[in-house]
Protein backbone atom coordinates (compact mmCIF):
# COMPACT_ATOMS: atom_id res chain seq x y z
CA MET A 1 -0.15 0.00 0.05
CA ARG A 2 0.55 3.44 -0.11
CA LEU A 3 0.61 4.98 2.89
CA LEU A 4 0.77 8.59 4.26
CA ILE A 5 1.84 8.57 8.25
CA THR A 6 1.73 11.98 9.62
CA GLY A 7 3.95 12.92 12.52
CA ALA A 8 6.02 10.32 11.61
CA ASN A 9 8.65 11.45 14.15
CA GLY A 10 6.51 10.89 17.64
CA LEU A 11 5.64 8.24 19.59
CA LEU A 12 3.19 6.36 17.63
CA GLY A 13 4.17 7.12 14.36
CA TYR A 14 7.66 6.75 14.31
CA LYS A 15 6.62 3.03 15.39
CA LEU A 16 4.22 3.10 12.68
CA SER A 17 7.11 3.93 9.75
CA GLU A 18 9.31 1.53 11.02
CA LEU A 19 6.71 -0.95 10.87
CA SER A 20 5.04 0.13 7.60
CA VAL A 21 8.57 -0.29 5.69
CA ASN A 22 9.42 -3.35 7.20
CA ARG A 23 6.22 -4.99 5.84
CA SER A 24 6.94 -3.28 2.37
CA HIS A 25 4.76 -0.72 2.47
CA LYS A 26 5.12 2.43 0.36
CA VAL A 27 5.70 4.81 3.16
CA TYR A 28 5.71 8.49 3.24
CA SER A 29 6.22 9.86 6.54
CA GLY A 30 4.85 13.04 7.37
CA TYR A 31 7.51 15.93 9.64
CA VAL A 32 7.79 19.74 10.67
CA SER A 33 10.81 19.76 11.72
CA GLY A 34 13.77 16.83 11.65
CA LEU A 35 14.09 14.58 9.58
CA PRO A 36 11.95 10.83 10.45
CA SER A 37 14.12 7.50 10.78
CA PHE A 38 12.22 5.61 8.21
CA GLY A 39 9.84 6.27 4.83
CA LEU A 40 10.34 9.05 2.03
CA PRO A 41 10.50 11.40 4.29
CA ILE A 42 7.50 14.34 2.78
CA LYS A 43 7.24 18.20 4.59
CA LEU A 44 3.27 18.40 6.24
CA ASN A 45 2.06 21.39 8.37
CA LEU A 46 -1.27 21.19 9.57
CA ILE A 47 -1.60 24.51 10.11
CA ASP A 48 -0.07 25.08 6.02
CA PRO A 49 -2.89 24.01 3.50
CA SER A 50 -0.71 24.26 0.69
CA SER A 51 1.03 22.12 2.42
CA ILE A 52 -1.33 19.62 2.45
CA ASN A 53 -2.74 19.73 -0.91
CA GLN A 54 0.97 19.51 -2.63
CA ALA A 55 1.51 16.49 -0.29
CA PHE A 56 -2.05 14.64 -1.24
CA ASP A 57 -0.84 15.93 -4.98
CA THR A 58 2.56 14.68 -5.11
CA ILE A 59 1.42 11.38 -3.04
CA ARG A 60 -1.85 10.60 -3.88
CA PRO A 61 -1.70 7.64 -1.01
CA GLU A 62 -4.11 4.94 -0.23
CA VAL A 63 -4.33 5.67 2.83
CA VAL A 64 -3.32 8.43 5.30
CA LEU A 65 -2.10 7.68 9.37
CA HIS A 66 -2.83 10.21 11.20
CA CYS A 67 -0.92 10.48 13.97
CA ALA A 68 -0.33 14.41 14.05
CA ALA A 69 -1.63 16.11 16.77
CA LEU A 70 -0.98 18.89 19.99
CA THR A 71 -1.38 16.48 22.52
CA ASP A 72 -0.02 18.85 25.01
CA VAL A 73 -3.39 18.93 27.43
CA ASP A 74 -2.39 21.68 29.61
CA ARG A 75 -0.86 23.30 26.40
CA CYS A 76 -4.61 22.99 24.58
CA GLU A 77 -6.05 24.76 27.23
CA VAL A 78 -3.94 27.93 26.93
CA GLU A 79 -2.71 27.89 23.88
CA LYS A 80 -6.34 27.47 22.24
CA ASP A 81 -6.66 28.92 18.85
CA LEU A 82 -3.19 27.20 17.89
CA ALA A 83 -4.92 23.82 19.14
CA MET A 84 -7.48 24.43 16.99
CA ARG A 85 -5.55 25.22 14.04
CA ILE A 86 -3.70 21.91 14.14
CA ASN A 87 -6.28 19.44 16.24
CA VAL A 88 -9.08 20.86 14.23
CA HIS A 89 -8.91 22.95 11.59
CA GLY A 90 -5.91 21.25 10.21
CA THR A 91 -7.37 17.20 10.31
CA ARG A 92 -10.44 19.38 8.13
CA LEU A 93 -8.21 20.30 5.67
CA LEU A 94 -6.24 16.49 5.64
CA ALA A 95 -9.52 14.81 5.28
CA GLU A 96 -11.03 17.33 2.57
CA ALA A 97 -7.38 16.23 0.66
CA ALA A 98 -8.09 12.62 1.43
CA ASN A 99 -11.53 12.73 -0.07
CA LYS A 100 -10.67 14.53 -2.90
CA VAL A 101 -7.92 11.81 -4.04
CA GLY A 102 -10.00 8.73 -2.24
CA SER A 103 -7.64 7.89 0.32
CA GLN A 104 -8.92 6.31 3.49
CA VAL A 105 -8.32 8.69 7.01
CA ILE A 106 -6.91 6.85 10.09
CA PHE A 107 -7.13 9.19 12.78
CA VAL A 108 -5.29 8.49 16.05
CA SER A 109 -8.31 9.91 18.59
CA THR A 110 -7.87 9.73 22.49
CA ASP A 111 -10.08 8.53 25.57
CA TYR A 112 -9.86 12.40 26.59
CA VAL A 113 -13.25 12.97 24.05
CA PHE A 114 -14.91 10.99 27.99
CA ASP A 115 -15.14 12.59 30.84
CA GLY A 116 -13.69 9.87 32.99
CA SER A 117 -17.18 9.32 35.35
CA LYS A 118 -17.46 5.96 34.57
CA GLY A 119 -14.72 3.91 32.82
CA MET A 120 -14.21 1.18 30.65
CA TYR A 121 -15.41 3.48 27.85
CA ARG A 122 -17.43 1.60 24.37
CA GLU A 123 -18.07 3.31 21.20
CA VAL A 124 -21.82 3.64 22.20
CA ASP A 125 -21.09 5.75 24.90
CA GLU A 126 -21.16 9.59 24.33
CA PRO A 127 -18.30 11.97 24.11
CA ARG A 128 -18.75 14.56 27.18
CA PRO A 129 -14.88 15.72 26.90
CA ILE A 130 -13.84 17.97 30.01
CA ASN A 131 -10.80 20.01 28.74
CA PHE A 132 -10.25 21.91 25.78
CA TYR A 133 -7.92 19.04 24.02
CA GLY A 134 -10.61 16.39 24.88
CA HIS A 135 -12.87 18.89 23.13
CA THR A 136 -10.49 19.20 20.03
CA LYS A 137 -9.73 15.93 19.30
CA LEU A 138 -13.51 15.54 18.99
CA LEU A 139 -14.36 18.31 17.07
CA ALA A 140 -11.40 16.60 14.86
CA GLU A 141 -13.10 13.39 14.69
CA MET A 142 -16.98 15.26 14.20
CA ALA A 143 -14.99 17.22 11.33
CA LEU A 144 -13.35 13.59 9.96
CA ILE A 145 -16.79 12.43 9.43
CA ASP A 146 -18.10 15.69 7.66
CA SER A 147 -15.32 15.32 5.13
CA ARG A 148 -17.05 12.28 3.30
CA ALA A 149 -13.33 10.65 3.47
CA GLU A 150 -13.97 6.93 3.92
CA TYR A 151 -12.25 6.59 7.98
CA LEU A 152 -11.22 4.68 10.81
CA ILE A 153 -11.27 6.67 14.06
CA ALA A 154 -8.86 4.70 16.21
CA ARG A 155 -8.97 6.12 20.44
CA THR A 156 -6.46 5.30 22.48
CA SER A 157 -4.97 6.32 25.94
CA VAL A 158 -1.86 6.76 27.37
CA ILE A 159 0.50 5.60 24.65
CA TYR A 160 4.32 4.85 25.90
CA GLY A 161 7.34 3.36 24.47
CA SER A 162 11.07 2.09 24.44
CA ARG A 163 12.38 5.03 23.55
CA PRO A 164 11.91 8.96 23.39
CA ALA A 165 10.13 10.94 20.61
CA SER A 166 9.97 14.37 19.36
CA GLY A 167 12.59 15.76 22.35
CA LYS A 168 9.77 14.53 24.97
CA VAL A 169 9.92 11.33 27.06
CA ASN A 170 6.68 9.18 27.46
CA PHE A 171 5.41 8.03 31.03
CA ALA A 172 6.83 4.79 31.05
CA LEU A 173 10.36 5.64 30.50
CA PHE A 174 10.03 8.66 33.11
CA ILE A 175 9.27 6.57 35.15
CA LEU A 176 12.17 4.44 34.46
CA GLU A 177 14.63 7.39 34.52
CA ARG A 178 13.35 8.23 38.46
CA LEU A 179 13.58 4.47 39.57
CA LYS A 180 16.97 4.08 37.64
CA ALA A 181 17.72 7.40 39.24
CA LEU A 182 16.32 5.84 43.18
CA LYS A 183 14.35 9.22 43.32
CA GLU A 184 10.60 8.98 43.84
CA ILE A 185 7.78 9.34 41.87
CA LYS A 186 4.28 10.41 42.42
CA ALA A 187 2.06 8.53 40.84
CA LEU A 188 -2.09 8.86 40.63
CA ALA A 189 -3.85 6.50 42.44
CA ASP A 190 -6.82 7.82 41.68
CA GLN A 191 -6.95 8.30 37.64
CA PHE A 192 -7.86 5.21 35.89
CA ILE A 193 -6.27 4.17 31.95
CA THR A 194 -6.04 1.66 29.17
CA PRO A 195 -2.39 2.48 28.85
CA THR A 196 -1.05 1.72 25.33
CA LEU A 197 2.27 0.77 23.92
CA ASN A 198 2.99 2.04 21.18
CA SER A 199 4.10 -0.70 19.44
CA ASN A 200 0.95 -2.98 19.59
CA LEU A 201 -1.05 0.08 18.92
CA ALA A 202 1.39 0.65 15.45
CA GLU A 203 0.45 -3.55 14.74
CA MET A 204 -3.15 -3.08 15.11
CA LEU A 205 -3.89 0.25 13.04
CA LEU A 206 -1.12 -1.14 10.11
CA GLU A 207 -3.23 -4.69 10.21
CA ALA A 208 -6.78 -2.60 10.35
CA ALA A 209 -5.09 -0.46 7.01
CA GLU A 210 -4.52 -3.67 5.55
CA LYS A 211 -7.90 -4.87 6.22
CA GLY A 212 -9.69 -1.97 5.27
CA LEU A 213 -11.30 -1.50 8.56
CA LYS A 214 -13.68 1.12 8.68
CA GLY A 215 -15.67 3.38 11.94
CA LEU A 216 -15.19 4.10 15.28
CA TYR A 217 -13.12 1.66 17.69
CA HIS A 218 -11.45 1.82 20.71
CA MET A 219 -7.22 0.98 20.31
CA SER A 220 -5.67 0.63 23.67
CA GLY A 221 -4.41 -1.70 26.06
CA ALA A 222 -6.61 -4.53 27.79
CA THR A 223 -5.77 -3.58 31.14
CA ARG A 224 -7.70 -0.85 32.91
CA VAL A 225 -4.82 0.35 35.24
CA SER A 226 -4.39 3.53 37.51
CA ARG A 227 -1.31 5.20 36.96
CA TYR A 228 0.26 4.35 40.31
CA ASP A 229 -0.76 0.63 40.11
CA PHE A 230 0.96 0.93 36.53
CA SER A 231 4.18 2.10 37.79
CA ILE A 232 4.30 -0.54 40.34
CA LYS A 233 4.10 -3.16 37.68
CA LEU A 234 6.46 -1.07 35.91
CA ALA A 235 9.19 -1.26 37.69
CA ASP A 236 8.46 -5.41 38.99
CA THR A 237 8.77 -5.62 35.10
CA PHE A 238 12.42 -3.77 35.40
CA ASN A 239 13.39 -4.98 38.63
CA LEU A 240 13.39 -1.97 40.10
CA ASN A 241 12.06 -0.44 43.34
CA ARG A 242 8.73 0.02 43.73
CA ASN A 243 9.62 1.03 47.40
CA LEU A 244 10.22 4.14 45.77
CA ILE A 245 6.84 4.66 44.68
CA LYS A 246 4.36 7.25 46.42
CA LYS A 247 0.51 6.84 46.15
CA ALA A 248 -0.67 10.61 45.15
CA LYS A 249 -4.27 11.79 44.85
CA THR A 250 -5.37 14.07 41.97
CA SER A 251 -6.90 16.83 44.15
CA ASP A 252 -2.43 17.35 44.97
CA PHE A 253 -1.73 18.09 41.48
CA GLN A 254 -5.14 20.22 40.46
CA SER A 255 -3.01 23.53 41.43
CA LEU A 256 -0.34 22.19 38.87
CA TRP A 257 -2.33 21.88 36.13
CA LYS A 258 -4.47 23.91 33.48
CA ALA A 259 -6.12 21.62 32.80
CA LYS A 260 -8.61 18.82 34.39
CA ARG A 261 -7.88 15.14 33.60
CA PRO A 262 -11.03 12.44 33.68
CA ALA A 263 -10.39 10.13 36.52
CA ASP A 264 -11.29 7.27 34.13
CA SER A 265 -10.86 7.39 31.03
CA SER A 266 -10.32 3.77 30.33
CA LEU A 267 -11.85 2.55 27.19
CA ASP A 268 -13.35 -1.24 26.50
CA VAL A 269 -11.50 -2.52 23.64
CA SER A 270 -13.49 -5.72 23.26
CA LYS A 271 -14.97 -4.36 19.79
CA ILE A 272 -11.43 -4.30 17.81
CA ALA A 273 -10.54 -7.09 19.44
CA ASN A 274 -13.25 -9.17 16.70
CA PHE A 275 -11.64 -7.91 14.07
CA LEU A 276 -8.02 -8.21 14.50
CA ASN A 277 -5.16 -10.83 14.87
CA ASN A 278 -3.10 -8.34 16.31
CA LYS A 279 -5.25 -8.05 19.70
CA PRO A 280 -4.83 -5.35 22.44
CA MET A 281 -2.40 -6.12 25.11
CA TYR A 282 -2.81 -6.94 28.56
CA LEU A 283 -0.36 -4.78 31.11
CA ASN A 284 1.87 -7.82 31.65
CA ASP A 285 2.46 -8.99 28.71
CA ALA A 286 2.98 -5.53 27.12
CA LEU A 287 5.48 -4.45 29.89
CA ILE A 288 7.80 -8.21 29.10
CA LYS A 289 7.19 -6.71 25.58
CA LEU A 290 8.45 -3.00 26.18
CA LYS A 291 11.33 -4.24 28.51
CA LYS A 292 12.98 -6.75 25.03
CA GLU A 293 12.28 -3.67 23.11
CA ILE A 294 14.40 -2.05 25.35
CA GLU A 295 16.99 -4.41 26.08
CA GLY A 296 17.79 -4.93 22.77
């Protein structure tokens, strides 16, 4: 297949481009700065319509894996105009360009479209974002649907992986770095997620593209867990000192955050598990895989 991957330097985009190249797909890796490690690099800026149109006219991709976004939750809350331009308007422009050339768009969305009041959300549950980041991603979902392009929306949760991406250390690597330096960590015991290993998500997304799946799916890890328990399991997997991890409450961080966080945004992944050979991974298996990836 001829694939265009946006955000190819990011945590997910990097893995997707690597996996796609290894499977002999024709991969165009969209970037804003810094050449991607895999695929044919193509400049693509979501806030520049001419950049988007030129990329589609040149590539005419069969499938677009749209990973690029402004994902910093607090920054979205402060820089709302920028969040709208990148997450919503950029997605709309990309979807319209895809529709013109007949591309399918696979859009990576988020568990933060939900308010966190119940957890284990299914695709039929009504989104109610409580922060601006979640609001923009929900608007982007709607823009994609309205564009009439063929689409798959994949909502995921707290992506982590074996390497930093775009200059940022993900949640798992942050914990590992702290523990290896013998530093204490405060981890939330009252915020629940379904953390997602980037390589597992990349495998699911690429299989969905190869099979031509369409519609709305939740694609995350298969285990609902608090950030505290995730940290404990991570420490145990890497044989690090779990006593350095201290329980914290969301209220302890409220004064530091600009945006609200949902208390339980965990996702039910049973729907997508029925369609893929690459299933959402349970946490213990995913952490063992992460360890192998880190240790080579």
